[in-house]
């Protein structure tokens, strides 16, 4: 099984997958205490945006066994009460498990995944379960979601060596 190391998010290393913004420690353009429009997500659907909860349970190992993508929609996620590790791979016509990368996302950092980016489950970076806000056009998981289980030979273990975060 291949091993990859989760990285800190930076604008340079995450640019091909999307963008992010620290909602708990906002910076940049603002109107007094309101920080508007720092992450924009295209919605290729006429469906309303839906806000959903996703509970990430602590697991003994972070093993990537599958991935999904959305053709029409960006996906927004934000860990609410803990830090997470998540995986992505660049958009492609075929699965690309060998191009999987993993990132550490601190609590309160909003991440936008571009349409077509391969991704799937997130993992709790600490000892507790984490609640994640997910934002997608309504029913994307039924209408615009291609989920592919990997062959066992393509599974990837994510290693997180916590440093100063």
N, C-alpha and C. Protein backbone atom coordinates (compact mmCIF):
# COMPACT_ATOMS: atom_id res chain seq x y z
N UNK A 1 0.86 -1.17 0.00
CA UNK A 1 0.00 0.00 0.00
C UNK A 1 0.91 1.24 0.00
N UNK A 2 0.55 2.18 -0.83
CA UNK A 2 1.28 3.44 -0.91
C UNK A 2 0.98 4.29 0.32
N UNK A 3 1.96 5.07 0.79
CA UNK A 3 1.75 6.00 1.90
C UNK A 3 1.98 7.41 1.39
N UNK A 4 1.14 8.33 1.86
CA UNK A 4 1.35 9.74 1.57
C UNK A 4 1.27 10.50 2.88
N UNK A 5 1.88 11.66 2.92
CA UNK A 5 1.88 12.47 4.13
C UNK A 5 0.96 13.67 3.94
N UNK A 6 0.09 13.90 4.92
CA UNK A 6 -0.81 15.05 4.87
C UNK A 6 0.02 16.32 5.02
N UNK A 7 -0.33 17.34 4.23
CA UNK A 7 0.40 18.61 4.23
C UNK A 7 -0.47 19.71 4.81
N UNK A 8 0.18 20.77 5.22
CA UNK A 8 -0.51 21.98 5.59
C UNK A 8 -1.06 22.61 4.30
N UNK A 9 -2.25 23.19 4.37
CA UNK A 9 -2.80 23.92 3.22
C UNK A 9 -2.01 25.20 2.97
N UNK A 10 -1.63 25.42 1.72
CA UNK A 10 -1.08 26.71 1.31
C UNK A 10 -1.73 27.05 -0.03
N UNK A 11 -1.71 28.31 -0.39
CA UNK A 11 -2.26 28.70 -1.69
C UNK A 11 -1.54 28.00 -2.83
N UNK A 12 -0.24 27.84 -2.72
CA UNK A 12 0.54 27.21 -3.78
C UNK A 12 0.24 25.73 -3.93
N UNK A 13 0.17 24.97 -2.81
CA UNK A 13 0.02 23.52 -2.95
C UNK A 13 -1.42 23.07 -3.14
N UNK A 14 -2.39 23.97 -2.97
CA UNK A 14 -3.79 23.57 -3.11
C UNK A 14 -4.48 24.18 -4.33
N UNK A 15 -3.82 25.10 -5.02
CA UNK A 15 -4.42 25.86 -6.12
C UNK A 15 -5.12 24.99 -7.18
N UNK A 16 -4.53 23.87 -7.56
CA UNK A 16 -5.14 23.05 -8.63
C UNK A 16 -6.42 22.34 -8.19
N UNK A 17 -6.67 22.29 -6.87
CA UNK A 17 -7.85 21.60 -6.36
C UNK A 17 -8.98 22.55 -5.97
N UNK A 18 -8.65 23.80 -5.65
CA UNK A 18 -9.67 24.75 -5.23
C UNK A 18 -9.05 25.88 -4.45
N UNK A 19 -9.76 26.35 -3.43
CA UNK A 19 -9.25 27.42 -2.59
C UNK A 19 -9.79 27.25 -1.18
N UNK A 20 -9.30 28.05 -0.24
CA UNK A 20 -9.72 27.94 1.15
C UNK A 20 -9.64 29.31 1.82
N UNK A 21 -10.32 29.40 2.96
CA UNK A 21 -10.34 30.66 3.71
C UNK A 21 -10.62 30.35 5.17
N UNK A 22 -9.85 30.94 6.06
CA UNK A 22 -10.02 30.71 7.50
C UNK A 22 -11.16 31.58 8.02
N UNK A 23 -12.33 30.98 8.23
CA UNK A 23 -13.51 31.70 8.68
C UNK A 23 -13.43 32.13 10.14
N UNK A 24 -12.59 31.46 10.92
CA UNK A 24 -12.47 31.77 12.34
C UNK A 24 -11.49 32.93 12.57
N UNK A 25 -10.51 33.05 11.68
CA UNK A 25 -9.52 34.12 11.76
C UNK A 25 -9.50 34.89 10.44
N UNK A 26 -10.59 35.60 10.10
CA UNK A 26 -10.70 36.23 8.79
C UNK A 26 -9.69 37.35 8.58
N UNK A 27 -9.27 37.49 7.33
CA UNK A 27 -8.36 38.55 6.92
C UNK A 27 -8.81 39.06 5.57
N UNK A 28 -8.29 40.19 5.16
CA UNK A 28 -8.58 40.72 3.83
C UNK A 28 -9.69 41.74 3.84
N UNK A 29 -10.28 41.96 2.68
CA UNK A 29 -11.33 42.97 2.53
C UNK A 29 -12.44 42.75 3.54
N UNK A 30 -12.91 43.85 4.14
CA UNK A 30 -13.99 43.72 5.12
C UNK A 30 -14.72 45.05 5.26
N UNK A 31 -15.93 44.94 5.75
CA UNK A 31 -16.76 46.09 6.10
C UNK A 31 -16.97 45.99 7.60
N UNK A 32 -16.20 46.73 8.36
CA UNK A 32 -16.17 46.60 9.81
C UNK A 32 -15.86 45.14 10.17
N UNK A 33 -16.78 44.42 10.82
CA UNK A 33 -16.52 43.04 11.22
C UNK A 33 -17.12 42.01 10.26
N UNK A 34 -17.49 42.43 9.06
CA UNK A 34 -18.06 41.52 8.04
C UNK A 34 -17.02 41.35 6.93
N UNK A 35 -16.67 40.09 6.65
CA UNK A 35 -15.66 39.75 5.64
C UNK A 35 -16.34 39.04 4.48
N UNK A 36 -16.88 39.78 3.50
CA UNK A 36 -17.70 39.16 2.45
C UNK A 36 -16.89 38.61 1.27
N UNK A 37 -17.47 37.60 0.63
CA UNK A 37 -17.07 37.16 -0.71
C UNK A 37 -15.62 36.69 -0.84
N UNK A 38 -15.10 36.00 0.16
CA UNK A 38 -13.71 35.55 0.07
C UNK A 38 -13.56 34.22 -0.65
N UNK A 39 -14.60 33.42 -0.74
CA UNK A 39 -14.57 32.18 -1.53
C UNK A 39 -15.85 32.14 -2.34
N UNK A 40 -15.70 32.00 -3.65
CA UNK A 40 -16.85 31.91 -4.54
C UNK A 40 -16.90 30.51 -5.14
N UNK A 41 -18.09 29.92 -5.21
CA UNK A 41 -18.25 28.57 -5.75
C UNK A 41 -19.31 28.60 -6.84
N UNK A 42 -18.90 28.23 -8.03
CA UNK A 42 -19.85 28.16 -9.14
C UNK A 42 -20.84 27.04 -8.90
N UNK A 43 -22.07 27.26 -9.31
CA UNK A 43 -23.13 26.26 -9.16
C UNK A 43 -23.72 26.06 -10.55
N UNK A 44 -23.36 24.95 -11.21
CA UNK A 44 -23.83 24.68 -12.55
C UNK A 44 -25.24 24.14 -12.59
N UNK A 45 -25.98 24.32 -11.50
CA UNK A 45 -27.32 23.76 -11.37
C UNK A 45 -28.29 24.87 -11.00
N UNK A 46 -29.55 24.65 -11.31
CA UNK A 46 -30.57 25.59 -10.86
C UNK A 46 -31.10 25.21 -9.48
N UNK A 47 -30.57 24.13 -8.92
CA UNK A 47 -30.98 23.68 -7.59
C UNK A 47 -30.44 24.64 -6.54
N UNK A 48 -31.16 24.84 -5.45
CA UNK A 48 -30.64 25.68 -4.37
C UNK A 48 -29.45 25.01 -3.69
N UNK A 49 -28.60 25.81 -3.10
CA UNK A 49 -27.48 25.26 -2.34
C UNK A 49 -28.03 24.65 -1.06
N UNK A 50 -27.53 23.47 -0.71
CA UNK A 50 -27.99 22.75 0.47
C UNK A 50 -26.83 22.67 1.47
N UNK A 51 -27.15 22.87 2.73
CA UNK A 51 -26.17 22.84 3.80
C UNK A 51 -26.41 21.56 4.59
N UNK A 52 -25.39 20.71 4.66
CA UNK A 52 -25.54 19.39 5.27
C UNK A 52 -24.46 19.17 6.33
N UNK A 53 -24.75 18.27 7.26
CA UNK A 53 -23.78 17.86 8.27
C UNK A 53 -23.16 16.54 7.88
N UNK A 54 -21.89 16.41 8.16
CA UNK A 54 -21.14 15.17 7.92
C UNK A 54 -20.34 14.92 9.19
N UNK A 55 -20.55 13.78 9.84
CA UNK A 55 -19.82 13.44 11.06
C UNK A 55 -18.68 12.52 10.68
N UNK A 56 -17.46 12.95 10.98
CA UNK A 56 -16.27 12.16 10.71
C UNK A 56 -15.88 11.45 12.00
N UNK A 57 -15.93 10.14 11.98
CA UNK A 57 -15.61 9.33 13.15
C UNK A 57 -14.10 9.05 13.18
N UNK A 58 -13.54 9.05 14.36
CA UNK A 58 -12.12 8.74 14.52
C UNK A 58 -11.89 7.28 14.14
N UNK A 59 -10.89 7.03 13.30
CA UNK A 59 -10.54 5.68 12.89
C UNK A 59 -9.06 5.43 13.21
N UNK A 60 -8.67 4.16 13.41
CA UNK A 60 -7.28 3.88 13.77
C UNK A 60 -6.28 4.18 12.65
N UNK A 61 -6.70 4.01 11.38
CA UNK A 61 -5.83 4.29 10.24
C UNK A 61 -6.61 5.09 9.21
N UNK A 62 -5.92 5.98 8.51
CA UNK A 62 -6.54 6.77 7.46
C UNK A 62 -6.20 6.11 6.12
N UNK A 63 -7.13 5.29 5.63
CA UNK A 63 -6.90 4.54 4.39
C UNK A 63 -7.90 5.03 3.34
N UNK A 64 -7.40 5.47 2.21
CA UNK A 64 -8.23 5.91 1.09
C UNK A 64 -8.56 4.69 0.25
N UNK A 65 -9.85 4.34 0.19
CA UNK A 65 -10.28 3.14 -0.53
C UNK A 65 -11.20 3.45 -1.70
N UNK A 66 -11.55 4.74 -1.86
CA UNK A 66 -12.47 5.13 -2.93
C UNK A 66 -12.37 6.63 -3.14
N UNK A 67 -12.95 7.09 -4.24
CA UNK A 67 -12.99 8.54 -4.51
C UNK A 67 -14.22 8.84 -5.34
N UNK A 68 -14.63 10.10 -5.28
CA UNK A 68 -15.79 10.57 -6.03
C UNK A 68 -15.46 11.92 -6.64
N UNK A 69 -16.28 12.34 -7.60
CA UNK A 69 -16.18 13.69 -8.14
C UNK A 69 -17.56 14.14 -8.58
N UNK A 70 -17.71 15.44 -8.77
CA UNK A 70 -18.94 16.05 -9.28
C UNK A 70 -18.58 16.83 -10.54
N UNK A 71 -19.28 16.57 -11.64
CA UNK A 71 -19.02 17.27 -12.90
C UNK A 71 -19.48 18.72 -12.88
N UNK A 72 -20.62 18.98 -12.26
CA UNK A 72 -21.26 20.28 -12.36
C UNK A 72 -21.05 21.18 -11.15
N UNK A 73 -20.66 20.64 -10.03
CA UNK A 73 -20.69 21.43 -8.79
C UNK A 73 -19.35 21.45 -8.09
N UNK A 74 -19.04 22.61 -7.54
CA UNK A 74 -17.97 22.71 -6.55
C UNK A 74 -18.54 22.17 -5.24
N UNK A 75 -17.67 21.70 -4.38
CA UNK A 75 -18.12 21.26 -3.05
C UNK A 75 -17.42 22.11 -2.01
N UNK A 76 -18.20 22.55 -1.03
CA UNK A 76 -17.68 23.35 0.07
C UNK A 76 -17.70 22.48 1.32
N UNK A 77 -16.63 22.55 2.11
CA UNK A 77 -16.63 21.86 3.39
C UNK A 77 -15.91 22.72 4.41
N UNK A 78 -16.35 22.60 5.67
CA UNK A 78 -15.70 23.33 6.76
C UNK A 78 -15.83 22.53 8.05
N UNK A 79 -14.70 22.07 8.60
CA UNK A 79 -14.76 21.40 9.90
C UNK A 79 -15.15 22.40 10.98
N UNK A 80 -16.14 22.03 11.78
CA UNK A 80 -16.71 22.96 12.75
C UNK A 80 -16.05 22.86 14.12
N UNK A 81 -15.85 21.64 14.61
CA UNK A 81 -15.43 21.48 15.99
C UNK A 81 -14.16 20.64 16.16
N UNK A 82 -13.37 20.54 15.11
CA UNK A 82 -12.11 19.80 15.19
C UNK A 82 -11.37 19.92 13.87
N UNK A 83 -10.16 19.41 13.84
CA UNK A 83 -9.33 19.44 12.64
C UNK A 83 -9.52 18.14 11.86
N UNK A 84 -9.34 18.22 10.54
CA UNK A 84 -9.50 17.04 9.70
C UNK A 84 -8.32 16.90 8.74
N UNK A 85 -8.23 15.70 8.18
CA UNK A 85 -7.35 15.40 7.06
C UNK A 85 -8.27 14.96 5.93
N UNK A 86 -8.06 15.47 4.72
CA UNK A 86 -8.86 15.01 3.59
C UNK A 86 -7.96 14.77 2.40
N UNK A 87 -8.45 14.01 1.44
CA UNK A 87 -7.64 13.68 0.27
C UNK A 87 -8.30 14.18 -1.00
N UNK A 88 -7.46 14.47 -1.99
CA UNK A 88 -7.90 14.94 -3.30
C UNK A 88 -6.97 14.37 -4.36
N UNK A 89 -7.47 14.35 -5.58
CA UNK A 89 -6.63 14.05 -6.76
C UNK A 89 -7.16 14.94 -7.88
N UNK A 90 -6.32 15.30 -8.84
CA UNK A 90 -6.74 16.23 -9.88
C UNK A 90 -7.85 15.66 -10.76
N UNK A 91 -8.65 16.54 -11.36
CA UNK A 91 -9.68 16.08 -12.29
C UNK A 91 -9.06 15.27 -13.43
N UNK A 92 -9.73 14.21 -13.83
CA UNK A 92 -9.28 13.40 -14.96
C UNK A 92 -10.44 12.51 -15.41
N UNK A 93 -10.32 11.98 -16.62
CA UNK A 93 -11.38 11.10 -17.13
C UNK A 93 -11.34 9.74 -16.44
N UNK A 94 -10.18 9.32 -16.01
CA UNK A 94 -10.00 8.03 -15.34
C UNK A 94 -9.58 8.28 -13.89
N UNK A 95 -9.76 7.27 -13.04
CA UNK A 95 -9.31 7.40 -11.66
C UNK A 95 -7.79 7.55 -11.64
N UNK A 96 -7.30 8.34 -10.68
CA UNK A 96 -5.86 8.59 -10.57
C UNK A 96 -5.41 8.46 -9.11
N UNK A 97 -5.60 7.28 -8.51
CA UNK A 97 -5.23 7.13 -7.10
C UNK A 97 -3.75 7.43 -6.84
N UNK A 98 -2.91 7.22 -7.84
CA UNK A 98 -1.48 7.48 -7.66
C UNK A 98 -1.17 8.97 -7.55
N UNK A 99 -2.14 9.84 -7.87
CA UNK A 99 -1.95 11.29 -7.75
C UNK A 99 -2.64 11.86 -6.51
N UNK A 100 -3.07 10.98 -5.62
CA UNK A 100 -3.75 11.42 -4.40
C UNK A 100 -2.80 12.24 -3.53
N UNK A 101 -3.33 13.33 -3.01
CA UNK A 101 -2.63 14.16 -2.04
C UNK A 101 -3.54 14.33 -0.84
N UNK A 102 -2.95 14.57 0.32
CA UNK A 102 -3.73 14.75 1.55
C UNK A 102 -3.37 16.08 2.19
N UNK A 103 -4.37 16.70 2.82
CA UNK A 103 -4.18 18.01 3.43
C UNK A 103 -4.81 18.04 4.83
N UNK A 104 -4.17 18.78 5.69
CA UNK A 104 -4.66 19.06 7.03
C UNK A 104 -5.50 20.33 6.96
N UNK A 105 -6.74 20.28 7.50
CA UNK A 105 -7.61 21.44 7.52
C UNK A 105 -7.99 21.75 8.97
N UNK A 106 -7.54 22.90 9.48
CA UNK A 106 -7.90 23.25 10.85
C UNK A 106 -9.38 23.58 10.99
N UNK A 107 -9.90 23.40 12.18
CA UNK A 107 -11.27 23.79 12.52
C UNK A 107 -11.52 25.22 12.04
N UNK A 108 -12.67 25.43 11.39
CA UNK A 108 -13.06 26.76 10.97
C UNK A 108 -12.52 27.22 9.63
N UNK A 109 -11.72 26.40 8.96
CA UNK A 109 -11.22 26.77 7.63
C UNK A 109 -12.15 26.19 6.58
N UNK A 110 -12.70 27.07 5.75
CA UNK A 110 -13.63 26.67 4.69
C UNK A 110 -12.83 26.31 3.45
N UNK A 111 -13.11 25.16 2.87
CA UNK A 111 -12.41 24.68 1.68
C UNK A 111 -13.41 24.53 0.54
N UNK A 112 -13.07 25.05 -0.63
CA UNK A 112 -13.87 24.85 -1.83
C UNK A 112 -13.10 23.93 -2.76
N UNK A 113 -13.73 22.79 -3.12
CA UNK A 113 -13.15 21.88 -4.11
C UNK A 113 -13.73 22.23 -5.47
N UNK A 114 -12.87 22.37 -6.46
CA UNK A 114 -13.34 22.64 -7.81
C UNK A 114 -14.12 21.44 -8.35
N UNK A 115 -15.04 21.69 -9.27
CA UNK A 115 -15.75 20.61 -9.95
C UNK A 115 -14.73 19.69 -10.60
N UNK A 116 -14.98 18.40 -10.54
CA UNK A 116 -14.11 17.42 -11.17
C UNK A 116 -12.99 16.89 -10.29
N UNK A 117 -12.70 17.53 -9.17
CA UNK A 117 -11.63 17.07 -8.29
C UNK A 117 -12.08 15.79 -7.58
N UNK A 118 -11.24 14.77 -7.66
CA UNK A 118 -11.51 13.51 -6.96
C UNK A 118 -11.32 13.73 -5.47
N UNK A 119 -12.22 13.22 -4.66
CA UNK A 119 -12.16 13.34 -3.21
C UNK A 119 -13.09 12.29 -2.62
N UNK A 120 -13.17 12.22 -1.32
CA UNK A 120 -14.18 11.38 -0.67
C UNK A 120 -14.11 11.61 0.81
N UNK A 121 -13.95 10.58 1.58
CA UNK A 121 -14.07 10.75 3.03
C UNK A 121 -12.98 11.65 3.60
N UNK A 122 -13.31 12.25 4.72
CA UNK A 122 -12.34 13.00 5.51
C UNK A 122 -12.06 12.18 6.77
N UNK A 123 -10.98 12.53 7.44
CA UNK A 123 -10.58 11.81 8.64
C UNK A 123 -10.35 12.80 9.77
N UNK A 124 -10.74 12.43 10.98
CA UNK A 124 -10.49 13.27 12.16
C UNK A 124 -8.99 13.28 12.42
N UNK A 125 -8.41 14.48 12.59
CA UNK A 125 -6.97 14.60 12.84
C UNK A 125 -6.63 14.41 14.31
N UNK A 126 -7.62 14.57 15.19
CA UNK A 126 -7.40 14.39 16.62
C UNK A 126 -8.06 13.12 17.11
N UNK A 127 -8.35 13.09 18.38
CA UNK A 127 -8.92 11.91 19.01
C UNK A 127 -10.44 11.88 19.00
N UNK A 128 -11.07 12.99 18.69
CA UNK A 128 -12.52 13.10 18.75
C UNK A 128 -13.15 13.09 17.37
N UNK A 129 -14.44 12.73 17.30
CA UNK A 129 -15.19 12.86 16.06
C UNK A 129 -15.30 14.34 15.71
N UNK A 130 -15.46 14.65 14.42
CA UNK A 130 -15.54 16.03 13.95
C UNK A 130 -16.80 16.19 13.11
N UNK A 131 -17.49 17.31 13.31
CA UNK A 131 -18.66 17.66 12.51
C UNK A 131 -18.22 18.61 11.41
N UNK A 132 -18.61 18.30 10.17
CA UNK A 132 -18.21 19.10 9.02
C UNK A 132 -19.46 19.64 8.34
N UNK A 133 -19.43 20.91 8.02
CA UNK A 133 -20.47 21.52 7.20
C UNK A 133 -20.13 21.23 5.74
N UNK A 134 -21.08 20.65 5.00
CA UNK A 134 -20.93 20.40 3.56
C UNK A 134 -21.97 21.23 2.82
N UNK A 135 -21.53 21.92 1.77
CA UNK A 135 -22.44 22.73 0.96
C UNK A 135 -22.32 22.28 -0.49
N UNK A 136 -23.45 21.85 -1.04
CA UNK A 136 -23.55 21.40 -2.44
C UNK A 136 -24.93 21.80 -2.96
N UNK A 137 -25.08 21.91 -4.28
CA UNK A 137 -26.45 22.06 -4.79
C UNK A 137 -27.29 20.87 -4.32
N UNK A 138 -28.52 21.14 -4.02
CA UNK A 138 -29.43 20.10 -3.51
C UNK A 138 -29.40 18.87 -4.40
N UNK A 139 -29.32 17.69 -3.76
CA UNK A 139 -29.36 16.38 -4.39
C UNK A 139 -28.18 16.08 -5.31
N UNK A 140 -27.08 16.80 -5.17
CA UNK A 140 -25.88 16.51 -5.96
C UNK A 140 -25.45 15.07 -5.76
N UNK A 141 -25.56 14.57 -4.54
CA UNK A 141 -25.14 13.20 -4.23
C UNK A 141 -25.95 12.17 -5.00
N UNK A 142 -27.11 12.55 -5.54
CA UNK A 142 -27.93 11.63 -6.35
C UNK A 142 -27.79 11.90 -7.85
N UNK A 143 -27.56 13.16 -8.23
CA UNK A 143 -27.61 13.54 -9.65
C UNK A 143 -26.25 13.78 -10.29
N UNK A 144 -25.25 14.12 -9.50
CA UNK A 144 -23.96 14.51 -10.06
C UNK A 144 -22.83 14.00 -9.16
N UNK A 145 -22.80 12.71 -8.96
CA UNK A 145 -21.76 12.13 -8.10
C UNK A 145 -21.32 10.80 -8.70
N UNK A 146 -20.07 10.73 -9.09
CA UNK A 146 -19.48 9.48 -9.57
C UNK A 146 -18.55 8.98 -8.48
N UNK A 147 -18.90 7.84 -7.88
CA UNK A 147 -18.12 7.24 -6.81
C UNK A 147 -17.48 5.96 -7.33
N UNK A 148 -16.16 5.85 -7.14
CA UNK A 148 -15.43 4.70 -7.65
C UNK A 148 -14.63 4.05 -6.52
N UNK A 149 -14.94 2.78 -6.19
CA UNK A 149 -14.11 2.08 -5.21
C UNK A 149 -12.78 1.70 -5.88
N UNK A 150 -11.68 1.82 -5.14
CA UNK A 150 -10.36 1.47 -5.66
C UNK A 150 -10.10 -0.02 -5.49
N UNK A 151 -9.31 -0.57 -6.40
CA UNK A 151 -8.77 -1.91 -6.20
C UNK A 151 -7.85 -1.83 -4.97
N UNK A 152 -7.74 -2.91 -4.24
CA UNK A 152 -6.94 -2.89 -3.01
C UNK A 152 -5.50 -2.44 -3.28
N UNK A 153 -4.98 -2.77 -4.44
CA UNK A 153 -3.61 -2.36 -4.80
C UNK A 153 -3.47 -0.85 -4.90
N UNK A 154 -4.58 -0.14 -5.10
CA UNK A 154 -4.57 1.32 -5.23
C UNK A 154 -4.90 2.05 -3.92
N UNK A 155 -5.18 1.32 -2.86
CA UNK A 155 -5.47 1.97 -1.59
C UNK A 155 -4.24 2.76 -1.15
N UNK A 156 -4.49 3.85 -0.44
CA UNK A 156 -3.41 4.72 0.03
C UNK A 156 -3.60 5.02 1.50
N UNK A 157 -2.53 4.87 2.26
CA UNK A 157 -2.57 5.24 3.67
C UNK A 157 -2.06 6.67 3.83
N UNK A 158 -2.82 7.47 4.58
CA UNK A 158 -2.41 8.85 4.86
C UNK A 158 -1.74 8.88 6.22
N UNK A 159 -0.60 9.51 6.27
CA UNK A 159 0.14 9.67 7.52
C UNK A 159 0.10 11.14 7.90
N UNK A 160 -0.23 11.40 9.15
CA UNK A 160 -0.26 12.78 9.64
C UNK A 160 0.72 12.89 10.80
N UNK A 161 1.79 13.61 10.56
CA UNK A 161 2.77 13.86 11.60
C UNK A 161 2.54 15.27 12.09
N UNK A 162 1.76 15.39 13.15
CA UNK A 162 1.36 16.70 13.63
C UNK A 162 2.58 17.51 14.05
N UNK A 163 2.65 18.70 13.46
CA UNK A 163 3.72 19.64 13.80
C UNK A 163 3.05 20.85 14.40
N UNK A 164 3.73 21.95 14.47
CA UNK A 164 3.13 23.17 14.97
C UNK A 164 2.08 23.64 13.98
N UNK A 165 0.80 23.58 14.40
CA UNK A 165 -0.28 24.01 13.52
C UNK A 165 -1.00 25.20 14.13
